[in-house]
Amino acid sequence: MRILLILCLILLTFSSCKATRQAKVITKKPKTENTTSSNVKATNIVDYAHQFEGVRYKYGGTTKRGMDCSGLVLTSFKSESVLLPRTTKDLAKSGDWIDIKKVQKGDLLFFATKKNSRRSNHVGIVTDVDDGAVEFIHASTSKGVMTSKLKERYWYFAFVQARRVL
């Protein structure tokens, strides 16, 4: 009887060790840390971009003296040591394509603003997503660096794609 009790105790010890091991593997979540890190980076990038709000549009500009859309993206991401291509055309090939329903702060939105064209020639950074309503910051030729909403008729019909680079 005593031997049976000892065997049961040993068996219980081994089975509980195995369960603990599995629990440790399950609790490891490196993706959460990366996601949190990406969220912090995205917030910093968006905050940096907001510093340029009101700056006039200047083709090829990357400073407070003047800024174009891809210059705003380049400068904002560079503030967090994320190096991106300079042109909208090259930016549109960077990162991963994502569904518009899954965009997050820091993602890039691409637009075709030329008549009868679906080729991306304008880019903005997602600043907020609230209940499916997407806001983004960009440099428009008419009003300079500003925040707009994707649900605005002009931007809704000009939208081409969203990409994630973080």
N, C-alpha and C. Protein backbone atom coordinates (compact mmCIF):
# COMPACT_ATOMS: atom_id res chain seq x y z
N MET A 1 0.81 -1.19 0.00
CA MET A 1 0.00 0.00 0.00
C MET A 1 0.86 1.26 0.00
N ARG A 2 1.90 1.22 0.81
CA ARG A 2 2.80 2.35 0.92
C ARG A 2 3.49 2.61 -0.43
N ILE A 3 3.89 1.60 -1.13
CA ILE A 3 4.55 1.72 -2.43
C ILE A 3 3.59 2.36 -3.44
N LEU A 4 2.35 1.97 -3.39
CA LEU A 4 1.34 2.54 -4.29
C LEU A 4 1.16 4.03 -4.03
N LEU A 5 1.15 4.42 -2.79
CA LEU A 5 1.03 5.83 -2.41
C LEU A 5 2.24 6.63 -2.90
N ILE A 6 3.41 6.09 -2.77
CA ILE A 6 4.64 6.76 -3.22
C ILE A 6 4.63 6.90 -4.74
N LEU A 7 4.21 5.86 -5.44
CA LEU A 7 4.13 5.92 -6.90
C LEU A 7 3.13 6.99 -7.36
N CYS A 8 2.01 7.05 -6.69
CA CYS A 8 0.99 8.08 -7.03
C CYS A 8 1.55 9.48 -6.79
N LEU A 9 2.26 9.65 -5.71
CA LEU A 9 2.87 10.94 -5.38
C LEU A 9 3.91 11.35 -6.44
N ILE A 10 4.73 10.42 -6.87
CA ILE A 10 5.74 10.68 -7.90
C ILE A 10 5.07 11.02 -9.22
N LEU A 11 4.04 10.25 -9.56
CA LEU A 11 3.30 10.50 -10.80
C LEU A 11 2.67 11.89 -10.79
N LEU A 12 2.11 12.26 -9.66
CA LEU A 12 1.47 13.58 -9.51
C LEU A 12 2.51 14.69 -9.66
N THR A 13 3.68 14.48 -9.11
CA THR A 13 4.76 15.47 -9.20
C THR A 13 5.20 15.67 -10.64
N PHE A 14 5.39 14.56 -11.37
CA PHE A 14 5.81 14.68 -12.77
C PHE A 14 4.73 15.32 -13.64
N SER A 15 3.50 14.97 -13.39
CA SER A 15 2.43 15.54 -14.22
C SER A 15 2.25 17.02 -13.93
N SER A 16 2.45 17.45 -12.70
CA SER A 16 2.31 18.88 -12.39
C SER A 16 3.48 19.68 -12.97
N CYS A 17 4.67 19.09 -13.03
CA CYS A 17 5.81 19.78 -13.66
C CYS A 17 5.54 20.02 -15.13
N LYS A 18 4.98 19.03 -15.77
CA LYS A 18 4.67 19.15 -17.18
C LYS A 18 3.65 20.26 -17.42
N ALA A 19 2.65 20.34 -16.58
CA ALA A 19 1.63 21.38 -16.72
C ALA A 19 2.24 22.76 -16.52
N THR A 20 3.15 22.88 -15.59
CA THR A 20 3.80 24.16 -15.34
C THR A 20 4.61 24.59 -16.55
N ARG A 21 5.31 23.64 -17.15
CA ARG A 21 6.08 23.96 -18.34
C ARG A 21 5.20 24.48 -19.46
N GLN A 22 4.11 23.81 -19.68
CA GLN A 22 3.20 24.25 -20.73
C GLN A 22 2.65 25.63 -20.43
N ALA A 23 2.36 25.89 -19.18
CA ALA A 23 1.83 27.19 -18.80
C ALA A 23 2.86 28.29 -19.09
N LYS A 24 4.14 28.00 -18.82
CA LYS A 24 5.17 28.98 -19.09
C LYS A 24 5.28 29.28 -20.58
N VAL A 25 5.19 28.26 -21.41
CA VAL A 25 5.27 28.46 -22.85
C VAL A 25 4.09 29.29 -23.32
N ILE A 26 2.92 29.01 -22.79
CA ILE A 26 1.71 29.73 -23.20
C ILE A 26 1.79 31.20 -22.77
N THR A 27 2.36 31.47 -21.59
CA THR A 27 2.38 32.85 -21.11
C THR A 27 3.41 33.72 -21.82
N LYS A 28 4.36 33.13 -22.53
CA LYS A 28 5.31 33.94 -23.29
C LYS A 28 4.58 34.60 -24.44
N LYS A 29 4.67 35.92 -24.51
CA LYS A 29 3.99 36.66 -25.57
C LYS A 29 4.89 37.72 -26.17
N PRO A 30 5.88 37.33 -26.95
CA PRO A 30 6.79 38.32 -27.52
C PRO A 30 6.07 39.26 -28.48
N LYS A 31 5.01 38.81 -29.12
CA LYS A 31 4.28 39.67 -30.06
C LYS A 31 3.67 40.86 -29.34
N THR A 32 3.18 40.65 -28.10
CA THR A 32 2.58 41.74 -27.35
C THR A 32 3.61 42.83 -27.10
N GLU A 33 4.84 42.41 -26.75
CA GLU A 33 5.89 43.40 -26.52
C GLU A 33 6.19 44.17 -27.79
N ASN A 34 6.26 43.48 -28.93
CA ASN A 34 6.52 44.15 -30.20
C ASN A 34 5.36 45.08 -30.55
N THR A 35 4.14 44.62 -30.32
CA THR A 35 2.98 45.44 -30.62
C THR A 35 3.00 46.69 -29.76
N THR A 36 3.31 46.53 -28.47
CA THR A 36 3.38 47.68 -27.58
C THR A 36 4.47 48.63 -28.05
N SER A 37 5.60 48.08 -28.42
CA SER A 37 6.70 48.89 -28.93
C SER A 37 6.28 49.64 -30.20
N SER A 38 5.57 48.95 -31.09
CA SER A 38 5.08 49.58 -32.31
C SER A 38 4.07 50.67 -32.00
N ASN A 39 3.21 50.43 -31.00
CA ASN A 39 2.22 51.44 -30.62
C ASN A 39 2.90 52.69 -30.09
N VAL A 40 3.92 52.52 -29.29
CA VAL A 40 4.66 53.67 -28.74
C VAL A 40 5.34 54.43 -29.88
N LYS A 41 5.97 53.69 -30.79
CA LYS A 41 6.62 54.32 -31.94
C LYS A 41 5.60 55.07 -32.79
N ALA A 42 4.46 54.43 -33.05
CA ALA A 42 3.42 55.06 -33.87
C ALA A 42 2.92 56.34 -33.22
N THR A 43 2.71 56.30 -31.92
CA THR A 43 2.25 57.49 -31.20
C THR A 43 3.28 58.60 -31.28
N ASN A 44 4.55 58.26 -31.11
CA ASN A 44 5.62 59.26 -31.20
C ASN A 44 5.70 59.85 -32.61
N ILE A 45 5.54 59.00 -33.62
CA ILE A 45 5.58 59.47 -35.01
C ILE A 45 4.44 60.43 -35.29
N VAL A 46 3.24 60.05 -34.85
CA VAL A 46 2.06 60.91 -35.06
C VAL A 46 2.20 62.23 -34.30
N ASP A 47 2.68 62.17 -33.07
CA ASP A 47 2.89 63.39 -32.28
C ASP A 47 3.89 64.31 -32.97
N TYR A 48 4.95 63.73 -33.51
CA TYR A 48 5.96 64.51 -34.22
C TYR A 48 5.35 65.16 -35.47
N ALA A 49 4.56 64.40 -36.20
CA ALA A 49 3.91 64.92 -37.41
C ALA A 49 2.98 66.09 -37.08
N HIS A 50 2.30 66.00 -35.95
CA HIS A 50 1.38 67.08 -35.55
C HIS A 50 2.11 68.41 -35.31
N GLN A 51 3.41 68.36 -35.03
CA GLN A 51 4.19 69.59 -34.85
C GLN A 51 4.24 70.42 -36.13
N PHE A 52 3.99 69.78 -37.26
CA PHE A 52 4.06 70.46 -38.55
C PHE A 52 2.70 70.99 -39.02
N GLU A 53 1.65 70.75 -38.24
CA GLU A 53 0.32 71.22 -38.65
C GLU A 53 0.34 72.72 -38.89
N GLY A 54 -0.21 73.12 -40.03
CA GLY A 54 -0.24 74.53 -40.39
C GLY A 54 0.93 74.96 -41.26
N VAL A 55 1.96 74.13 -41.37
CA VAL A 55 3.12 74.46 -42.21
C VAL A 55 2.67 74.44 -43.67
N ARG A 56 3.10 75.43 -44.44
CA ARG A 56 2.68 75.54 -45.84
C ARG A 56 3.24 74.40 -46.68
N TYR A 57 2.57 74.14 -47.78
CA TYR A 57 3.02 73.11 -48.72
C TYR A 57 4.20 73.64 -49.53
N LYS A 58 5.22 72.80 -49.65
CA LYS A 58 6.34 73.13 -50.51
C LYS A 58 6.83 71.82 -51.13
N TYR A 59 6.81 71.75 -52.45
CA TYR A 59 7.25 70.54 -53.15
C TYR A 59 8.69 70.22 -52.76
N GLY A 60 8.91 69.01 -52.29
CA GLY A 60 10.25 68.58 -51.88
C GLY A 60 10.64 69.02 -50.48
N GLY A 61 9.73 69.71 -49.78
CA GLY A 61 10.05 70.24 -48.46
C GLY A 61 10.00 69.21 -47.35
N THR A 62 10.90 69.39 -46.37
CA THR A 62 10.94 68.48 -45.21
C THR A 62 11.14 69.24 -43.90
N THR A 63 10.89 70.55 -43.91
CA THR A 63 11.10 71.36 -42.71
C THR A 63 9.88 72.22 -42.42
N LYS A 64 9.95 72.99 -41.33
CA LYS A 64 8.84 73.89 -40.97
C LYS A 64 8.70 75.06 -41.94
N ARG A 65 9.67 75.23 -42.80
CA ARG A 65 9.58 76.29 -43.82
C ARG A 65 8.69 75.85 -44.98
N GLY A 66 8.47 74.54 -45.11
CA GLY A 66 7.63 73.99 -46.16
C GLY A 66 7.74 72.48 -46.19
N MET A 67 6.63 71.82 -46.52
CA MET A 67 6.58 70.37 -46.42
C MET A 67 5.68 69.81 -47.52
N ASP A 68 6.09 68.70 -48.14
CA ASP A 68 5.17 68.00 -49.04
C ASP A 68 4.75 66.70 -48.35
N CYS A 69 3.82 65.96 -48.95
CA CYS A 69 3.22 64.80 -48.28
C CYS A 69 4.24 63.72 -47.94
N SER A 70 5.09 63.36 -48.89
CA SER A 70 6.07 62.31 -48.62
C SER A 70 7.18 62.83 -47.70
N GLY A 71 7.44 64.12 -47.74
CA GLY A 71 8.41 64.73 -46.83
C GLY A 71 7.94 64.66 -45.39
N LEU A 72 6.63 64.84 -45.18
CA LEU A 72 6.05 64.73 -43.84
C LEU A 72 6.20 63.30 -43.33
N VAL A 73 5.92 62.33 -44.18
CA VAL A 73 6.06 60.92 -43.79
C VAL A 73 7.52 60.60 -43.49
N LEU A 74 8.40 60.96 -44.39
CA LEU A 74 9.83 60.69 -44.24
C LEU A 74 10.37 61.29 -42.93
N THR A 75 10.08 62.57 -42.70
CA THR A 75 10.57 63.28 -41.52
C THR A 75 10.00 62.71 -40.23
N SER A 76 8.71 62.41 -40.23
CA SER A 76 8.06 61.89 -39.02
C SER A 76 8.59 60.52 -38.64
N PHE A 77 8.74 59.63 -39.61
CA PHE A 77 9.24 58.29 -39.32
C PHE A 77 10.73 58.33 -38.97
N LYS A 78 11.46 59.25 -39.59
CA LYS A 78 12.89 59.38 -39.30
C LYS A 78 13.11 59.79 -37.85
N SER A 79 12.16 60.54 -37.27
CA SER A 79 12.27 60.96 -35.87
C SER A 79 12.31 59.76 -34.92
N GLU A 80 11.83 58.60 -35.37
CA GLU A 80 11.87 57.36 -34.58
C GLU A 80 12.83 56.35 -35.20
N SER A 81 13.78 56.83 -35.99
CA SER A 81 14.81 56.01 -36.64
C SER A 81 14.25 54.94 -37.57
N VAL A 82 13.11 55.25 -38.20
CA VAL A 82 12.53 54.37 -39.21
C VAL A 82 12.81 55.03 -40.56
N LEU A 83 13.68 54.42 -41.34
CA LEU A 83 14.06 55.00 -42.62
C LEU A 83 13.15 54.49 -43.73
N LEU A 84 12.58 55.42 -44.49
CA LEU A 84 11.65 55.11 -45.57
C LEU A 84 12.10 55.79 -46.86
N PRO A 85 11.61 55.33 -48.00
CA PRO A 85 11.92 56.00 -49.27
C PRO A 85 11.37 57.42 -49.30
N ARG A 86 11.90 58.26 -50.16
CA ARG A 86 11.51 59.67 -50.22
C ARG A 86 10.22 59.92 -51.01
N THR A 87 9.96 59.16 -52.05
CA THR A 87 8.83 59.47 -52.93
C THR A 87 7.59 58.65 -52.58
N THR A 88 6.44 59.20 -52.91
CA THR A 88 5.17 58.50 -52.68
C THR A 88 5.13 57.20 -53.47
N LYS A 89 5.65 57.23 -54.67
CA LYS A 89 5.68 56.04 -55.52
C LYS A 89 6.43 54.90 -54.83
N ASP A 90 7.59 55.21 -54.25
CA ASP A 90 8.38 54.18 -53.57
C ASP A 90 7.78 53.81 -52.21
N LEU A 91 7.19 54.78 -51.53
CA LEU A 91 6.52 54.49 -50.25
C LEU A 91 5.38 53.50 -50.45
N ALA A 92 4.69 53.62 -51.60
CA ALA A 92 3.53 52.76 -51.89
C ALA A 92 3.93 51.29 -52.07
N LYS A 93 5.22 51.02 -52.14
CA LYS A 93 5.71 49.65 -52.26
C LYS A 93 6.32 49.16 -50.94
N SER A 94 6.42 50.03 -49.95
CA SER A 94 7.06 49.70 -48.67
C SER A 94 6.07 49.02 -47.73
N GLY A 95 6.60 48.25 -46.82
CA GLY A 95 5.77 47.63 -45.80
C GLY A 95 4.81 46.60 -46.37
N ASP A 96 3.74 46.35 -45.64
CA ASP A 96 2.75 45.35 -46.01
C ASP A 96 1.41 45.99 -46.29
N TRP A 97 0.72 45.50 -47.33
CA TRP A 97 -0.62 45.96 -47.64
C TRP A 97 -1.53 45.50 -46.51
N ILE A 98 -2.45 46.38 -46.10
CA ILE A 98 -3.44 46.00 -45.08
C ILE A 98 -4.82 46.47 -45.50
N ASP A 99 -5.82 45.77 -45.03
CA ASP A 99 -7.20 46.13 -45.29
C ASP A 99 -7.52 47.43 -44.54
N ILE A 100 -8.29 48.28 -45.16
CA ILE A 100 -8.63 49.58 -44.55
C ILE A 100 -9.35 49.41 -43.21
N LYS A 101 -10.04 48.30 -43.05
CA LYS A 101 -10.76 48.05 -41.80
C LYS A 101 -9.81 47.69 -40.66
N LYS A 102 -8.55 47.41 -40.97
CA LYS A 102 -7.58 47.01 -39.96
C LYS A 102 -6.49 48.05 -39.73
N VAL A 103 -6.66 49.26 -40.26
CA VAL A 103 -5.61 50.27 -40.08
C VAL A 103 -5.50 50.69 -38.63
N GLN A 104 -4.30 51.08 -38.26
CA GLN A 104 -3.99 51.55 -36.92
C GLN A 104 -3.18 52.84 -37.02
N LYS A 105 -3.06 53.48 -35.89
CA LYS A 105 -2.24 54.69 -35.81
C LYS A 105 -0.85 54.38 -36.34
N GLY A 106 -0.33 55.25 -37.22
CA GLY A 106 1.01 55.07 -37.77
C GLY A 106 1.04 54.40 -39.13
N ASP A 107 -0.08 53.83 -39.57
CA ASP A 107 -0.13 53.22 -40.90
C ASP A 107 -0.19 54.32 -41.96
N LEU A 108 0.17 53.97 -43.18
CA LEU A 108 0.17 54.93 -44.27
C LEU A 108 -1.05 54.72 -45.17
N LEU A 109 -1.66 55.82 -45.59
CA LEU A 109 -2.78 55.78 -46.53
C LEU A 109 -2.32 56.43 -47.83
N PHE A 110 -2.67 55.81 -48.95
CA PHE A 110 -2.28 56.31 -50.26
C PHE A 110 -3.50 56.69 -51.08
N PHE A 111 -3.35 57.78 -51.82
CA PHE A 111 -4.46 58.34 -52.59
C PHE A 111 -4.03 58.64 -54.02
N ALA A 112 -4.99 58.59 -54.92
CA ALA A 112 -4.78 59.01 -56.30
C ALA A 112 -5.63 60.27 -56.48
N THR A 113 -4.98 61.41 -56.55
CA THR A 113 -5.72 62.68 -56.61
C THR A 113 -5.78 63.26 -58.02
N LYS A 114 -5.09 62.63 -58.96
CA LYS A 114 -5.14 63.11 -60.35
C LYS A 114 -6.38 62.54 -61.03
N LYS A 115 -7.00 63.35 -61.84
CA LYS A 115 -8.22 62.94 -62.53
C LYS A 115 -7.94 61.73 -63.43
N ASN A 116 -8.86 60.77 -63.41
CA ASN A 116 -8.79 59.56 -64.23
C ASN A 116 -7.53 58.72 -63.99
N SER A 117 -7.04 58.70 -62.76
CA SER A 117 -5.86 57.91 -62.44
C SER A 117 -6.09 57.17 -61.13
N ARG A 118 -5.58 55.95 -61.03
CA ARG A 118 -5.63 55.19 -59.78
C ARG A 118 -4.22 54.97 -59.25
N ARG A 119 -3.27 55.73 -59.77
CA ARG A 119 -1.88 55.64 -59.34
C ARG A 119 -1.65 56.56 -58.14
N SER A 120 -1.08 56.01 -57.08
CA SER A 120 -0.85 56.79 -55.85
C SER A 120 0.08 57.97 -56.11
N ASN A 121 -0.37 59.16 -55.72
CA ASN A 121 0.48 60.34 -55.81
C ASN A 121 0.38 61.19 -54.55
N HIS A 122 -0.29 60.65 -53.51
CA HIS A 122 -0.45 61.39 -52.26
C HIS A 122 -0.45 60.38 -51.11
N VAL A 123 0.14 60.77 -49.97
CA VAL A 123 0.25 59.86 -48.83
C VAL A 123 -0.03 60.62 -47.54
N GLY A 124 -0.59 59.92 -46.57
CA GLY A 124 -0.84 60.48 -45.25
C GLY A 124 -0.58 59.43 -44.18
N ILE A 125 -0.47 59.88 -42.93
CA ILE A 125 -0.23 58.99 -41.79
C ILE A 125 -1.49 58.91 -40.95
N VAL A 126 -1.94 57.71 -40.65
CA VAL A 126 -3.13 57.54 -39.81
C VAL A 126 -2.82 58.07 -38.41
N THR A 127 -3.66 58.99 -37.93
CA THR A 127 -3.47 59.57 -36.60
C THR A 127 -4.43 59.01 -35.57
N ASP A 128 -5.59 58.53 -36.03
CA ASP A 128 -6.59 58.03 -35.11
C ASP A 128 -7.60 57.15 -35.85
N VAL A 129 -8.03 56.10 -35.19
CA VAL A 129 -9.10 55.25 -35.71
C VAL A 129 -10.10 55.11 -34.59
N ASP A 130 -11.28 55.68 -34.78
CA ASP A 130 -12.30 55.66 -33.73
C ASP A 130 -13.60 55.11 -34.31
N ASP A 131 -13.95 53.90 -33.90
CA ASP A 131 -15.18 53.26 -34.36
C ASP A 131 -15.25 53.19 -35.88
N GLY A 132 -14.12 52.87 -36.51
CA GLY A 132 -14.07 52.75 -37.96
C GLY A 132 -13.81 54.05 -38.70
N ALA A 133 -13.90 55.18 -38.00
CA ALA A 133 -13.62 56.49 -38.62
C ALA A 133 -12.11 56.73 -38.57
N VAL A 134 -11.50 56.88 -39.74
CA VAL A 134 -10.05 57.02 -39.85
C VAL A 134 -9.68 58.48 -40.09
N GLU A 135 -8.77 59.00 -39.25
CA GLU A 135 -8.22 60.35 -39.44
C GLU A 135 -6.75 60.20 -39.83
N PHE A 136 -6.28 61.13 -40.64
CA PHE A 136 -4.88 61.07 -41.08
C PHE A 136 -4.33 62.47 -41.24
N ILE A 137 -3.02 62.59 -41.08
CA ILE A 137 -2.33 63.86 -41.27
C ILE A 137 -1.56 63.78 -42.58
N HIS A 138 -1.58 64.88 -43.32
CA HIS A 138 -0.93 64.92 -44.64
C HIS A 138 -0.64 66.36 -45.00
N ALA A 139 0.10 66.56 -46.07
CA ALA A 139 0.40 67.91 -46.55
C ALA A 139 -0.36 68.10 -47.86
N SER A 140 -1.39 68.93 -47.82
CA SER A 140 -2.17 69.20 -49.03
C SER A 140 -1.60 70.43 -49.74
N THR A 141 -1.72 70.45 -51.05
CA THR A 141 -1.17 71.57 -51.82
C THR A 141 -1.91 72.86 -51.51
N SER A 142 -3.17 72.77 -51.15
CA SER A 142 -3.95 73.99 -50.91
C SER A 142 -3.86 74.52 -49.47
N LYS A 143 -3.79 73.64 -48.48
CA LYS A 143 -3.82 74.09 -47.09
C LYS A 143 -2.61 73.70 -46.26
N GLY A 144 -1.62 73.09 -46.88
CA GLY A 144 -0.43 72.68 -46.14
C GLY A 144 -0.69 71.46 -45.27
N VAL A 145 0.07 71.32 -44.19
CA VAL A 145 -0.05 70.15 -43.32
C VAL A 145 -1.33 70.29 -42.50
N MET A 146 -2.18 69.27 -42.61
CA MET A 146 -3.48 69.30 -41.95
C MET A 146 -3.95 67.88 -41.65
N THR A 147 -4.98 67.78 -40.82
CA THR A 147 -5.61 66.50 -40.51
C THR A 147 -6.94 66.43 -41.25
N SER A 148 -7.20 65.28 -41.85
CA SER A 148 -8.46 65.06 -42.59
C SER A 148 -9.06 63.73 -42.17
N LYS A 149 -10.27 63.49 -42.59
CA LYS A 149 -10.96 62.24 -42.29
C LYS A 149 -11.17 61.48 -43.59
N LEU A 150 -10.96 60.17 -43.54
CA LEU A 150 -11.13 59.33 -44.72
C LEU A 150 -12.58 59.33 -45.21
N LYS A 151 -13.52 59.58 -44.31
CA LYS A 151 -14.93 59.54 -44.71
C LYS A 151 -15.35 60.79 -45.50
N GLU A 152 -14.48 61.81 -45.57
CA GLU A 152 -14.78 62.97 -46.41
C GLU A 152 -14.85 62.49 -47.85
N ARG A 153 -15.82 62.97 -48.57
CA ARG A 153 -16.10 62.49 -49.92
C ARG A 153 -14.85 62.48 -50.81
N TYR A 154 -14.09 63.55 -50.83
CA TYR A 154 -12.92 63.65 -51.69
C TYR A 154 -11.92 62.54 -51.38
N TRP A 155 -11.58 62.36 -50.09
CA TRP A 155 -10.57 61.38 -49.71
C TRP A 155 -11.10 59.96 -49.84
N TYR A 156 -12.37 59.76 -49.58
CA TYR A 156 -12.98 58.44 -49.70
C TYR A 156 -12.85 57.91 -51.13
N PHE A 157 -13.15 58.75 -52.11
CA PHE A 157 -13.09 58.31 -53.50
C PHE A 157 -11.66 58.29 -54.06
N ALA A 158 -10.76 59.03 -53.44
CA ALA A 158 -9.36 59.06 -53.90
C ALA A 158 -8.52 57.94 -53.28
N PHE A 159 -9.03 57.30 -52.24
CA PHE A 159 -8.27 56.27 -51.52
C PHE A 159 -7.88 55.11 -52.44
N VAL A 160 -6.62 54.68 -52.34
CA VAL A 160 -6.11 53.58 -53.15
C VAL A 160 -5.73 52.37 -52.29
N GLN A 161 -4.92 52.60 -51.25
CA GLN A 161 -4.46 51.49 -50.41
C GLN A 161 -3.95 51.99 -49.07
N ALA A 162 -3.81 51.03 -48.14
CA ALA A 162 -3.19 51.29 -46.83
C ALA A 162 -2.02 50.33 -46.68
N ARG A 163 -0.96 50.81 -46.04
CA ARG A 163 0.22 49.96 -45.83
C ARG A 163 0.75 50.16 -44.42
N ARG A 164 1.31 49.09 -43.86
CA ARG A 164 1.90 49.13 -42.52
C ARG A 164 3.41 48.98 -42.67
N VAL A 165 4.14 49.94 -42.14
CA VAL A 165 5.61 49.90 -42.21
C VAL A 165 6.24 49.66 -40.84
N LEU A 166 5.48 49.74 -39.79
CA LEU A 166 6.01 49.48 -38.43
C LEU A 166 5.81 48.03 -38.04
